[in-house]
Amino acid sequence: MAIAGQVVFRLDNIRGLEEKLRQMKRRQRAKVSAVVEATAGRVKNRAFNNALPHWDRGDLGRAIVMAGRGLRWRVGLRDGAIPSRGGHNAAHLNPWVYGIFLEYGTNNPFRPAHPFMKPAANAEFPVFELEIERALEEALRP
C-alpha cells in the first residue's frame, strides 16, 4: 500500500541499539514491536478523530492508514484517487492532497491550517517513550 504523507517517529543517537535489537530473541523483539505497532494504531485513531470536524463524506478519515511490520510502522494518507468524488482536480479527487492542505493550510486566508496528523503524533510521543523504554529494559535485561 502506498502512503503519500506519513508520520514517523525516529530514535536517533542510540548507538548499538539496532544491533542489540537484531540480536534479541524473537519473543523479546516481539514485545518491542508490539509497542511500535500499538503506537501507530493510536496515532491513526487520534488523527482520524482530529480530522472528523473537517472531513467531507468521510473520505479523509478512511484515507488515514497504517502500514508496516516489526519495528517499522508508518501512519499516513493512502495515495489514491476516489473517482466518485467527481471533478478533475487532484485536490478534490485525492484525500491525501486535501489532507495536506488541511494539515498545513494554503496561502488563501480562508483556508487556514487545521492540523490533524502532527497533533496526533505529538500526543502519543510521551506515551511511546515510556512504553518503549519499559519494553527495551525488559528485552535487554540479561
N, C-alpha and C. Protein backbone atom coordinates (compact mmCIF):
# COMPACT_ATOMS: atom_id res chain seq x y z
N MET A 1 0.84 -1.17 0.00
CA MET A 1 0.00 0.00 0.00
C MET A 1 0.89 1.23 0.00
N ALA A 2 0.62 2.14 -0.91
CA ALA A 2 1.39 3.37 -0.98
C ALA A 2 0.82 4.39 0.00
N ILE A 3 1.70 5.04 0.74
CA ILE A 3 1.29 6.09 1.66
C ILE A 3 1.91 7.39 1.17
N ALA A 4 1.04 8.37 0.91
CA ALA A 4 1.51 9.64 0.35
C ALA A 4 2.19 10.51 1.38
N GLY A 5 1.57 10.71 2.51
CA GLY A 5 2.14 11.50 3.60
C GLY A 5 2.22 10.61 4.81
N GLN A 6 3.15 10.81 5.68
CA GLN A 6 3.28 9.89 6.82
C GLN A 6 3.85 10.56 8.05
N VAL A 7 3.58 9.92 9.17
CA VAL A 7 4.11 10.36 10.46
C VAL A 7 5.20 9.37 10.83
N VAL A 8 6.38 9.86 11.20
CA VAL A 8 7.50 8.97 11.51
C VAL A 8 8.09 9.37 12.86
N PHE A 9 8.21 8.39 13.76
CA PHE A 9 8.97 8.58 14.99
C PHE A 9 10.37 8.07 14.68
N ARG A 10 11.39 8.82 15.06
CA ARG A 10 12.76 8.37 14.84
C ARG A 10 13.49 8.35 16.16
N LEU A 11 14.24 7.30 16.35
CA LEU A 11 15.13 7.22 17.52
C LEU A 11 16.53 7.45 16.99
N ASP A 12 17.09 8.60 17.30
CA ASP A 12 18.42 8.95 16.81
C ASP A 12 19.44 8.89 17.94
N ASN A 13 20.68 8.74 17.57
CA ASN A 13 21.81 8.79 18.50
C ASN A 13 21.76 7.73 19.61
N ILE A 14 21.24 6.57 19.26
CA ILE A 14 21.23 5.46 20.22
C ILE A 14 22.16 4.40 19.64
N ARG A 15 23.43 4.53 19.99
CA ARG A 15 24.45 3.66 19.43
C ARG A 15 24.25 2.22 19.88
N GLY A 16 24.33 1.36 18.92
CA GLY A 16 24.27 -0.06 19.22
C GLY A 16 22.88 -0.61 19.43
N LEU A 17 21.86 0.25 19.50
CA LEU A 17 20.52 -0.26 19.77
C LEU A 17 20.02 -1.14 18.62
N GLU A 18 20.21 -0.70 17.40
CA GLU A 18 19.75 -1.51 16.27
C GLU A 18 20.40 -2.88 16.28
N GLU A 19 21.68 -2.93 16.55
CA GLU A 19 22.38 -4.22 16.59
C GLU A 19 21.85 -5.08 17.72
N LYS A 20 21.62 -4.48 18.88
CA LYS A 20 21.05 -5.24 20.00
C LYS A 20 19.66 -5.76 19.66
N LEU A 21 18.87 -4.93 19.00
CA LEU A 21 17.53 -5.37 18.60
C LEU A 21 17.62 -6.56 17.64
N ARG A 22 18.57 -6.53 16.72
CA ARG A 22 18.75 -7.64 15.78
C ARG A 22 19.17 -8.92 16.50
N GLN A 23 19.92 -8.78 17.59
CA GLN A 23 20.43 -9.94 18.31
C GLN A 23 19.40 -10.52 19.30
N MET A 24 18.34 -9.77 19.56
CA MET A 24 17.35 -10.25 20.52
C MET A 24 16.68 -11.52 20.03
N LYS A 25 16.18 -12.26 20.99
CA LYS A 25 15.38 -13.42 20.66
C LYS A 25 14.05 -12.93 20.10
N ARG A 26 13.40 -13.78 19.34
CA ARG A 26 12.15 -13.42 18.67
C ARG A 26 11.11 -12.89 19.66
N ARG A 27 10.97 -13.53 20.81
CA ARG A 27 9.96 -13.11 21.79
C ARG A 27 10.28 -11.73 22.35
N GLN A 28 11.55 -11.44 22.59
CA GLN A 28 11.95 -10.13 23.10
C GLN A 28 11.67 -9.04 22.07
N ARG A 29 12.04 -9.35 20.82
CA ARG A 29 11.83 -8.39 19.74
C ARG A 29 10.32 -8.15 19.52
N ALA A 30 9.52 -9.18 19.72
CA ALA A 30 8.08 -9.06 19.54
C ALA A 30 7.48 -8.08 20.54
N LYS A 31 8.00 -8.03 21.76
CA LYS A 31 7.48 -7.09 22.76
C LYS A 31 7.74 -5.65 22.33
N VAL A 32 8.93 -5.41 21.83
CA VAL A 32 9.28 -4.06 21.36
C VAL A 32 8.44 -3.71 20.13
N SER A 33 8.29 -4.66 19.21
CA SER A 33 7.48 -4.44 18.01
C SER A 33 6.03 -4.13 18.36
N ALA A 34 5.51 -4.81 19.38
CA ALA A 34 4.12 -4.59 19.78
C ALA A 34 3.89 -3.15 20.25
N VAL A 35 4.88 -2.58 20.93
CA VAL A 35 4.77 -1.19 21.38
C VAL A 35 4.74 -0.26 20.16
N VAL A 36 5.59 -0.52 19.18
CA VAL A 36 5.65 0.33 17.99
C VAL A 36 4.33 0.23 17.22
N GLU A 37 3.82 -0.98 17.05
CA GLU A 37 2.55 -1.17 16.33
C GLU A 37 1.38 -0.51 17.07
N ALA A 38 1.33 -0.69 18.39
CA ALA A 38 0.25 -0.09 19.18
C ALA A 38 0.28 1.44 19.09
N THR A 39 1.48 2.00 19.10
CA THR A 39 1.61 3.46 18.99
C THR A 39 1.10 3.92 17.64
N ALA A 40 1.46 3.21 16.58
CA ALA A 40 0.98 3.57 15.23
C ALA A 40 -0.55 3.53 15.20
N GLY A 41 -1.14 2.53 15.83
CA GLY A 41 -2.60 2.43 15.86
C GLY A 41 -3.24 3.60 16.61
N ARG A 42 -2.64 4.00 17.71
CA ARG A 42 -3.18 5.13 18.47
C ARG A 42 -3.03 6.45 17.70
N VAL A 43 -1.89 6.61 17.01
CA VAL A 43 -1.70 7.82 16.19
C VAL A 43 -2.76 7.85 15.09
N LYS A 44 -3.00 6.72 14.45
CA LYS A 44 -4.02 6.64 13.38
C LYS A 44 -5.39 7.03 13.94
N ASN A 45 -5.76 6.49 15.08
CA ASN A 45 -7.07 6.78 15.67
C ASN A 45 -7.20 8.25 16.07
N ARG A 46 -6.14 8.81 16.66
CA ARG A 46 -6.18 10.23 17.03
C ARG A 46 -6.29 11.11 15.79
N ALA A 47 -5.53 10.78 14.75
CA ALA A 47 -5.58 11.58 13.51
C ALA A 47 -6.99 11.52 12.92
N PHE A 48 -7.59 10.35 12.93
CA PHE A 48 -8.97 10.18 12.44
C PHE A 48 -9.91 11.10 13.22
N ASN A 49 -9.82 11.06 14.55
CA ASN A 49 -10.68 11.90 15.38
C ASN A 49 -10.39 13.39 15.19
N ASN A 50 -9.12 13.75 15.00
CA ASN A 50 -8.76 15.15 14.76
C ASN A 50 -9.31 15.64 13.43
N ALA A 51 -9.41 14.75 12.44
CA ALA A 51 -9.88 15.14 11.12
C ALA A 51 -11.40 15.21 11.05
N LEU A 52 -12.10 14.57 11.99
CA LEU A 52 -13.56 14.50 11.94
C LEU A 52 -14.27 15.82 11.69
N PRO A 53 -13.92 16.90 12.42
CA PRO A 53 -14.67 18.15 12.20
C PRO A 53 -14.46 18.75 10.81
N HIS A 54 -13.45 18.29 10.08
CA HIS A 54 -13.06 18.95 8.82
C HIS A 54 -13.26 18.09 7.58
N TRP A 55 -13.63 16.85 7.74
CA TRP A 55 -13.72 16.00 6.55
C TRP A 55 -15.07 16.14 5.88
N ASP A 56 -15.13 15.72 4.63
CA ASP A 56 -16.42 15.67 3.97
C ASP A 56 -16.61 14.24 3.47
N ARG A 57 -17.78 13.70 3.67
CA ARG A 57 -18.15 12.35 3.24
C ARG A 57 -17.31 11.24 3.86
N GLY A 58 -16.41 11.55 4.76
CA GLY A 58 -15.60 10.52 5.42
C GLY A 58 -14.40 10.04 4.63
N ASP A 59 -14.16 10.62 3.47
CA ASP A 59 -13.05 10.15 2.63
C ASP A 59 -11.69 10.38 3.28
N LEU A 60 -11.52 11.51 3.93
CA LEU A 60 -10.23 11.81 4.57
C LEU A 60 -9.97 10.83 5.71
N GLY A 61 -10.96 10.59 6.55
CA GLY A 61 -10.79 9.65 7.65
C GLY A 61 -10.46 8.25 7.17
N ARG A 62 -11.16 7.80 6.11
CA ARG A 62 -10.88 6.46 5.57
C ARG A 62 -9.52 6.39 4.89
N ALA A 63 -8.98 7.54 4.49
CA ALA A 63 -7.67 7.55 3.82
C ALA A 63 -6.52 7.49 4.82
N ILE A 64 -6.79 7.66 6.11
CA ILE A 64 -5.73 7.57 7.12
C ILE A 64 -5.47 6.09 7.39
N VAL A 65 -4.27 5.66 7.10
CA VAL A 65 -3.93 4.24 7.21
C VAL A 65 -2.62 4.06 7.96
N MET A 66 -2.41 2.84 8.43
CA MET A 66 -1.11 2.48 9.00
C MET A 66 -0.62 1.26 8.24
N ALA A 67 0.68 1.18 8.08
CA ALA A 67 1.27 0.06 7.35
C ALA A 67 2.63 -0.22 7.94
N GLY A 68 3.03 -1.45 7.88
CA GLY A 68 4.36 -1.83 8.34
C GLY A 68 4.36 -3.21 8.96
N ARG A 69 5.47 -3.49 9.62
CA ARG A 69 5.60 -4.73 10.39
C ARG A 69 6.84 -4.61 11.25
N GLY A 70 6.88 -5.42 12.28
CA GLY A 70 8.05 -5.42 13.15
C GLY A 70 8.27 -4.08 13.81
N LEU A 71 9.46 -3.54 13.62
CA LEU A 71 9.84 -2.27 14.24
C LEU A 71 9.58 -1.07 13.33
N ARG A 72 9.01 -1.30 12.17
CA ARG A 72 8.81 -0.20 11.21
C ARG A 72 7.33 -0.08 10.84
N TRP A 73 6.68 0.90 11.43
CA TRP A 73 5.28 1.19 11.15
C TRP A 73 5.15 2.64 10.74
N ARG A 74 4.26 2.90 9.80
CA ARG A 74 4.01 4.27 9.32
C ARG A 74 2.51 4.55 9.41
N VAL A 75 2.19 5.79 9.67
CA VAL A 75 0.80 6.25 9.65
C VAL A 75 0.77 7.37 8.63
N GLY A 76 -0.16 7.31 7.72
CA GLY A 76 -0.22 8.35 6.70
C GLY A 76 -1.52 8.35 5.96
N LEU A 77 -1.54 9.02 4.84
CA LEU A 77 -2.72 9.12 3.99
C LEU A 77 -2.53 8.24 2.76
N ARG A 78 -3.51 7.40 2.52
CA ARG A 78 -3.46 6.49 1.36
C ARG A 78 -3.35 7.31 0.08
N ASP A 79 -2.49 6.86 -0.80
CA ASP A 79 -2.27 7.52 -2.08
C ASP A 79 -3.24 6.91 -3.08
N GLY A 80 -4.23 7.65 -3.45
CA GLY A 80 -5.18 7.14 -4.44
C GLY A 80 -6.33 8.08 -4.64
N ALA A 81 -6.84 8.10 -5.86
CA ALA A 81 -7.96 8.96 -6.21
C ALA A 81 -9.27 8.25 -5.92
N ILE A 82 -10.32 9.02 -5.67
CA ILE A 82 -11.66 8.50 -5.48
C ILE A 82 -12.52 9.10 -6.59
N PRO A 83 -12.63 8.38 -7.72
CA PRO A 83 -13.35 8.93 -8.88
C PRO A 83 -14.78 9.34 -8.57
N SER A 84 -15.44 8.68 -7.61
CA SER A 84 -16.83 9.01 -7.30
C SER A 84 -16.99 10.41 -6.72
N ARG A 85 -15.88 11.04 -6.31
CA ARG A 85 -15.95 12.41 -5.79
C ARG A 85 -16.23 13.40 -6.91
N GLY A 86 -16.01 12.99 -8.15
CA GLY A 86 -16.28 13.86 -9.29
C GLY A 86 -15.21 14.91 -9.49
N GLY A 87 -15.32 15.61 -10.58
CA GLY A 87 -14.36 16.67 -10.88
C GLY A 87 -13.09 16.11 -11.48
N HIS A 88 -12.22 17.02 -11.86
CA HIS A 88 -10.95 16.64 -12.49
C HIS A 88 -9.76 17.18 -11.74
N ASN A 89 -10.00 17.79 -10.63
CA ASN A 89 -8.98 18.46 -9.84
C ASN A 89 -8.37 17.47 -8.84
N ALA A 90 -7.05 17.35 -8.82
CA ALA A 90 -6.37 16.39 -7.93
C ALA A 90 -6.70 16.65 -6.47
N ALA A 91 -6.83 17.90 -6.08
CA ALA A 91 -7.13 18.21 -4.68
C ALA A 91 -8.52 17.73 -4.30
N HIS A 92 -9.41 17.68 -5.25
CA HIS A 92 -10.76 17.22 -4.97
C HIS A 92 -10.85 15.69 -5.01
N LEU A 93 -10.12 15.06 -5.89
CA LEU A 93 -10.22 13.61 -6.07
C LEU A 93 -9.38 12.80 -5.08
N ASN A 94 -8.32 13.40 -4.54
CA ASN A 94 -7.38 12.65 -3.70
C ASN A 94 -7.40 13.14 -2.26
N PRO A 95 -7.87 12.28 -1.33
CA PRO A 95 -7.88 12.70 0.08
C PRO A 95 -6.49 13.11 0.58
N TRP A 96 -5.43 12.50 0.06
CA TRP A 96 -4.10 12.88 0.56
C TRP A 96 -3.75 14.30 0.17
N VAL A 97 -4.24 14.78 -0.97
CA VAL A 97 -3.93 16.15 -1.38
C VAL A 97 -4.67 17.13 -0.47
N TYR A 98 -5.98 16.96 -0.32
CA TYR A 98 -6.67 17.92 0.55
C TYR A 98 -6.34 17.68 2.01
N GLY A 99 -5.87 16.49 2.36
CA GLY A 99 -5.38 16.25 3.71
C GLY A 99 -4.15 17.09 4.01
N ILE A 100 -3.28 17.22 3.02
CA ILE A 100 -2.08 18.05 3.18
C ILE A 100 -2.47 19.52 3.27
N PHE A 101 -3.45 19.94 2.44
CA PHE A 101 -3.95 21.32 2.55
C PHE A 101 -4.54 21.57 3.93
N LEU A 102 -5.27 20.59 4.45
CA LEU A 102 -5.88 20.73 5.76
C LEU A 102 -4.81 20.80 6.86
N GLU A 103 -3.81 19.93 6.76
CA GLU A 103 -2.75 19.87 7.77
C GLU A 103 -1.93 21.16 7.81
N TYR A 104 -1.55 21.67 6.64
CA TYR A 104 -0.64 22.81 6.57
C TYR A 104 -1.29 24.13 6.17
N GLY A 105 -2.53 24.08 5.70
CA GLY A 105 -3.19 25.30 5.23
C GLY A 105 -2.72 25.64 3.82
N THR A 106 -3.26 26.71 3.30
CA THR A 106 -2.85 27.20 1.99
C THR A 106 -2.53 28.69 2.13
N ASN A 107 -2.15 29.31 1.04
CA ASN A 107 -1.88 30.74 1.11
C ASN A 107 -3.17 31.57 1.02
N ASN A 108 -4.30 30.90 0.99
CA ASN A 108 -5.60 31.55 0.99
C ASN A 108 -6.01 31.80 2.44
N PRO A 109 -6.30 33.04 2.82
CA PRO A 109 -6.65 33.32 4.22
C PRO A 109 -7.93 32.61 4.68
N PHE A 110 -8.73 32.15 3.74
CA PHE A 110 -9.96 31.43 4.09
C PHE A 110 -9.72 29.93 4.25
N ARG A 111 -8.49 29.49 4.03
CA ARG A 111 -8.10 28.07 4.17
C ARG A 111 -6.92 27.94 5.14
N PRO A 112 -7.13 28.26 6.43
CA PRO A 112 -6.02 28.14 7.38
C PRO A 112 -5.73 26.67 7.68
N ALA A 113 -4.61 26.43 8.29
CA ALA A 113 -4.22 25.07 8.67
C ALA A 113 -5.14 24.56 9.79
N HIS A 114 -5.50 23.29 9.69
CA HIS A 114 -6.22 22.56 10.74
C HIS A 114 -5.50 21.24 10.92
N PRO A 115 -4.33 21.25 11.57
CA PRO A 115 -3.53 20.03 11.68
C PRO A 115 -4.30 18.89 12.35
N PHE A 116 -4.12 17.70 11.81
CA PHE A 116 -4.74 16.52 12.40
C PHE A 116 -3.72 15.40 12.61
N MET A 117 -2.68 15.32 11.78
CA MET A 117 -1.68 14.26 11.91
C MET A 117 -0.62 14.60 12.95
N LYS A 118 -0.02 15.78 12.83
CA LYS A 118 1.06 16.14 13.73
C LYS A 118 0.60 16.18 15.19
N PRO A 119 -0.56 16.77 15.50
CA PRO A 119 -1.01 16.74 16.89
C PRO A 119 -1.23 15.30 17.39
N ALA A 120 -1.67 14.42 16.51
CA ALA A 120 -1.87 13.02 16.90
C ALA A 120 -0.54 12.38 17.28
N ALA A 121 0.48 12.61 16.46
CA ALA A 121 1.81 12.05 16.75
C ALA A 121 2.40 12.69 18.01
N ASN A 122 2.27 14.00 18.13
CA ASN A 122 2.82 14.69 19.30
C ASN A 122 2.17 14.22 20.59
N ALA A 123 0.87 13.95 20.55
CA ALA A 123 0.16 13.50 21.75
C ALA A 123 0.61 12.10 22.17
N GLU A 124 0.97 11.27 21.23
CA GLU A 124 1.35 9.89 21.54
C GLU A 124 2.83 9.74 21.88
N PHE A 125 3.64 10.72 21.51
CA PHE A 125 5.08 10.54 21.71
C PHE A 125 5.48 10.31 23.16
N PRO A 126 4.97 11.06 24.14
CA PRO A 126 5.37 10.79 25.54
C PRO A 126 4.98 9.37 26.00
N VAL A 127 3.82 8.91 25.57
CA VAL A 127 3.39 7.55 25.92
C VAL A 127 4.32 6.54 25.26
N PHE A 128 4.66 6.79 24.01
CA PHE A 128 5.57 5.91 23.27
C PHE A 128 6.92 5.82 23.98
N GLU A 129 7.45 6.97 24.40
CA GLU A 129 8.74 6.97 25.08
C GLU A 129 8.73 6.10 26.33
N LEU A 130 7.68 6.24 27.13
CA LEU A 130 7.58 5.43 28.35
C LEU A 130 7.45 3.94 28.03
N GLU A 131 6.56 3.61 27.10
CA GLU A 131 6.33 2.21 26.77
C GLU A 131 7.54 1.57 26.12
N ILE A 132 8.21 2.30 25.23
CA ILE A 132 9.36 1.71 24.54
C ILE A 132 10.52 1.54 25.52
N GLU A 133 10.66 2.48 26.45
CA GLU A 133 11.71 2.36 27.46
C GLU A 133 11.50 1.11 28.31
N ARG A 134 10.26 0.91 28.75
CA ARG A 134 9.95 -0.31 29.54
C ARG A 134 10.19 -1.58 28.74
N ALA A 135 9.74 -1.58 27.50
CA ALA A 135 9.90 -2.78 26.66
C ALA A 135 11.38 -3.07 26.39
N LEU A 136 12.16 -2.02 26.13
CA LEU A 136 13.59 -2.21 25.89
C LEU A 136 14.32 -2.68 27.14
N GLU A 137 13.99 -2.08 28.28
CA GLU A 137 14.63 -2.53 29.53
C GLU A 137 14.34 -4.00 29.78
N GLU A 138 13.10 -4.40 29.58
CA GLU A 138 12.74 -5.79 29.80
C GLU A 138 13.42 -6.71 28.78
N ALA A 139 13.43 -6.29 27.53
CA ALA A 139 14.01 -7.13 26.48
C ALA A 139 15.53 -7.22 26.57
N LEU A 140 16.18 -6.14 27.03
CA LEU A 140 17.64 -6.13 27.08
C LEU A 140 18.21 -6.58 28.41
N ARG A 141 17.33 -6.88 29.36
CA ARG A 141 17.77 -7.34 30.67
C ARG A 141 18.52 -8.66 30.50
N PRO A 142 19.72 -8.76 31.11
CA PRO A 142 20.49 -10.00 30.93
C PRO A 142 19.88 -11.20 31.64
